[in-house]
Amino acid sequence: MEGEQRLRSVSGSIDTAGFTTDIELNSVSGDVTARGGGRQAVTRARAISGTVTLSGIAGHVEAESVSGSVDVTADKLQRATLNSISGRVSVRGALADDARVEVTSTSGHVELRFKGNAAAEYDLTSFSGPIRSCFGPPVVEAPNGPQRKQRFREGTSSARVHANSMSGSIDLCRE
């Protein structure tokens, strides 16, 4: 489908493809799946009790699931806000030079896989789960509790990546 899409479902899944402009997808009790054409757009997707899967997107993305996973594969991310309460959050793709990426999960695993040199300022925090990183300095553990942090800059871009998980792990790597 070409053009703007605003799709909603109460008790079923949403599956769309081929968008070239902004889309907004909402499902109460079903999965949300969207496959884009790699063009810059604003993509908003939300599922209460389902998985959100977005691929071939570029530009700005906001994706949220309350009791399911959020999986995003992007050609080039400009802005991203990704959140799951009790599911995994995964983002793969390239970062724009001035990208802003915010990823949170309350009780799920966070996976960050960036293409190329992955140049950005990174701020990773996990309250009780491990942080595993294929690059950057060692993870710092709090002396008085289970909290772990990793903060560093990779390369010279002005991109920023912030990831937070309360009881899940965080994995960061290059593809």
Protein backbone atom coordinates (compact mmCIF):
# COMPACT_ATOMS: atom_id res chain seq x y z
CA MET A 1 0.00 0.00 0.00
CA GLU A 2 1.18 3.47 -0.80
CA GLY A 3 0.29 6.53 1.23
CA GLU A 4 -0.50 7.23 4.86
CA GLN A 5 -1.96 4.38 6.90
CA ARG A 6 -3.83 4.42 10.22
CA LEU A 7 -4.84 0.89 11.10
CA ARG A 8 -6.52 -0.28 14.32
CA SER A 9 -7.70 -3.65 15.60
CA VAL A 10 -9.32 -4.68 18.87
CA SER A 11 -9.12 -8.48 18.70
CA GLY A 12 -6.97 -9.27 15.69
CA SER A 13 -3.56 -8.80 14.14
CA ILE A 14 -2.43 -6.12 11.71
CA ASP A 15 -0.12 -6.94 8.80
CA THR A 16 0.83 -4.26 6.24
CA ALA A 17 3.57 -3.69 3.69
CA GLY A 18 4.89 -1.24 1.14
CA PHE A 19 4.26 2.05 2.91
CA THR A 20 6.04 5.16 1.62
CA THR A 21 4.71 7.72 4.09
CA ASP A 22 3.76 7.82 7.78
CA ILE A 23 1.90 4.93 9.38
CA GLU A 24 0.16 4.39 12.70
CA LEU A 25 -0.75 0.86 13.79
CA ASN A 26 -2.59 -0.14 17.01
CA SER A 27 -3.80 -3.54 18.18
CA VAL A 28 -5.30 -4.46 21.54
CA SER A 29 -4.97 -8.26 21.40
CA GLY A 30 -3.03 -9.13 18.28
CA ASP A 31 0.36 -8.82 16.63
CA VAL A 32 1.41 -5.80 14.57
CA THR A 33 3.63 -6.40 11.53
CA ALA A 34 4.81 -3.79 9.02
CA ARG A 35 7.29 -4.08 6.16
CA GLY A 36 8.40 -0.78 4.70
CA GLY A 37 10.30 0.20 1.59
CA GLY A 38 13.27 1.81 3.35
CA ARG A 39 12.05 5.37 2.78
CA GLN A 40 12.11 8.05 5.48
CA ALA A 41 8.81 8.09 7.35
CA VAL A 42 7.27 8.24 10.82
CA THR A 43 6.25 4.76 11.97
CA ARG A 44 4.14 4.34 15.13
CA ALA A 45 3.11 0.88 16.27
CA ARG A 46 1.54 -0.36 19.50
CA ALA A 47 0.23 -3.70 20.72
CA ILE A 48 -1.21 -4.32 24.17
CA SER A 49 -0.94 -8.12 24.17
CA GLY A 50 0.96 -8.90 20.99
CA THR A 51 4.31 -8.63 19.27
CA VAL A 52 5.33 -5.60 17.20
CA THR A 53 7.55 -6.47 14.22
CA LEU A 54 8.76 -3.66 11.94
CA SER A 55 11.20 -4.18 9.05
CA GLY A 56 12.53 -2.14 6.15
CA ILE A 57 11.77 1.13 7.91
CA ALA A 58 13.77 4.35 8.00
CA GLY A 59 13.44 7.66 9.78
CA HIS A 60 11.43 7.96 12.98
CA VAL A 61 9.93 4.98 14.81
CA GLU A 62 7.90 4.64 17.99
CA ALA A 63 7.00 1.08 18.96
CA GLU A 64 5.53 -0.31 22.15
CA SER A 65 4.14 -3.58 23.47
CA VAL A 66 2.83 -4.19 26.96
CA SER A 67 3.06 -7.99 27.06
CA GLY A 68 4.92 -8.86 23.87
CA SER A 69 8.18 -8.29 22.06
CA VAL A 70 9.22 -5.33 19.92
CA ASP A 71 11.46 -6.20 16.94
CA VAL A 72 12.69 -3.41 14.66
CA THR A 73 14.93 -3.78 11.60
CA ALA A 74 15.73 -0.41 10.08
CA ASP A 75 17.59 0.74 7.01
CA LYS A 76 18.61 3.96 8.79
CA LEU A 77 17.31 5.20 12.14
CA GLN A 78 16.91 8.91 12.75
CA ARG A 79 14.80 8.72 15.95
CA ALA A 80 13.59 5.64 17.79
CA THR A 81 11.63 5.13 20.99
CA LEU A 82 11.07 1.43 21.67
CA ASN A 83 9.47 -0.04 24.79
CA SER A 84 8.14 -3.30 26.17
CA ILE A 85 6.92 -3.97 29.69
CA SER A 86 7.33 -7.76 29.77
CA GLY A 87 8.93 -8.65 26.45
CA ARG A 88 12.16 -8.46 24.51
CA VAL A 89 13.12 -5.31 22.58
CA SER A 90 15.39 -5.76 19.57
CA VAL A 91 16.69 -3.13 17.16
CA ARG A 92 18.91 -3.81 14.16
CA GLY A 93 20.13 -1.43 11.50
CA ALA A 94 22.19 1.62 10.72
CA LEU A 95 22.27 4.83 12.74
CA ALA A 96 22.04 8.27 11.15
CA ASP A 97 24.85 10.62 12.22
CA ASP A 98 22.52 12.50 14.56
CA ALA A 99 20.28 9.58 15.57
CA ARG A 100 18.52 9.42 18.95
CA VAL A 101 17.60 5.92 20.11
CA GLU A 102 15.79 5.19 23.41
CA VAL A 103 15.12 1.53 24.27
CA THR A 104 13.49 0.31 27.51
CA SER A 105 12.21 -2.97 28.86
CA THR A 106 10.97 -3.61 32.37
CA SER A 107 11.45 -7.39 32.50
CA GLY A 108 12.74 -8.31 29.07
CA HIS A 109 15.99 -8.63 27.16
CA VAL A 110 17.30 -5.65 25.11
CA GLU A 111 19.26 -6.39 21.94
CA LEU A 112 21.06 -3.66 19.97
CA ARG A 113 22.77 -4.58 16.68
CA PHE A 114 24.07 -1.67 14.61
CA LYS A 115 25.54 -1.81 11.11
CA GLY A 116 28.84 -0.21 10.20
CA ASN A 117 31.01 1.54 12.75
CA ALA A 118 28.06 2.11 15.16
CA ALA A 119 29.37 5.59 15.97
CA ALA A 120 27.35 7.06 18.86
CA GLU A 121 27.37 8.03 22.50
CA TYR A 122 26.11 5.00 24.47
CA ASP A 123 24.40 4.94 27.87
CA LEU A 124 23.38 1.42 28.92
CA THR A 125 21.87 0.59 32.35
CA SER A 126 20.51 -2.64 33.79
CA PHE A 127 19.29 -2.96 37.35
CA SER A 128 19.63 -6.73 37.77
CA GLY A 129 20.59 -8.18 34.39
CA PRO A 130 23.98 -8.40 32.68
CA ILE A 131 25.26 -6.01 30.03
CA ARG A 132 27.23 -7.67 27.22
CA SER A 133 28.98 -5.48 24.69
CA CYS A 134 31.12 -6.41 21.68
CA PHE A 135 32.85 -3.01 21.86
CA GLY A 136 33.43 -0.19 24.32
CA PRO A 137 34.92 -0.19 27.82
CA PRO A 138 34.15 -2.77 30.51
CA VAL A 139 30.77 -2.68 32.23
CA VAL A 140 30.76 -0.97 35.64
CA GLU A 141 28.95 -2.72 38.50
CA ALA A 142 27.58 -0.71 41.42
CA PRO A 143 29.46 -1.41 44.68
CA ASN A 144 26.24 -1.49 46.77
CA GLY A 145 23.82 -3.41 44.58
CA PRO A 146 23.15 -5.26 41.38
CA GLN A 147 23.04 -2.28 39.00
CA ARG A 148 25.33 -2.32 35.94
CA LYS A 149 26.24 0.57 33.64
CA GLN A 150 28.22 1.16 30.50
CA ARG A 151 28.74 4.70 29.18
CA PHE A 152 31.08 5.56 26.33
CA ARG A 153 31.47 7.23 22.95
CA GLU A 154 32.25 5.28 19.79
CA GLY A 155 33.44 7.28 16.77
CA THR A 156 32.73 10.94 16.13
CA SER A 157 29.04 11.17 15.23
CA SER A 158 26.54 13.04 17.40
CA ALA A 159 24.20 10.01 17.60
CA ARG A 160 23.00 8.91 21.06
CA VAL A 161 21.80 5.49 22.17
CA HIS A 162 20.19 4.96 25.58
CA ALA A 163 19.06 1.51 26.73
CA ASN A 164 17.58 0.54 30.09
CA SER A 165 16.29 -2.76 31.46
CA MET A 166 15.14 -3.40 35.01
CA SER A 167 15.45 -7.18 35.21
CA GLY A 168 16.62 -8.18 31.75
CA SER A 169 19.96 -8.25 30.00
CA ILE A 170 21.31 -5.79 27.43
CA ASP A 171 23.39 -6.96 24.44
CA LEU A 172 25.20 -4.48 22.17
CA CYS A 173 27.11 -5.49 19.01
CA ARG A 174 27.96 -4.42 15.47
CA GLU A 175 26.62 -6.33 12.47
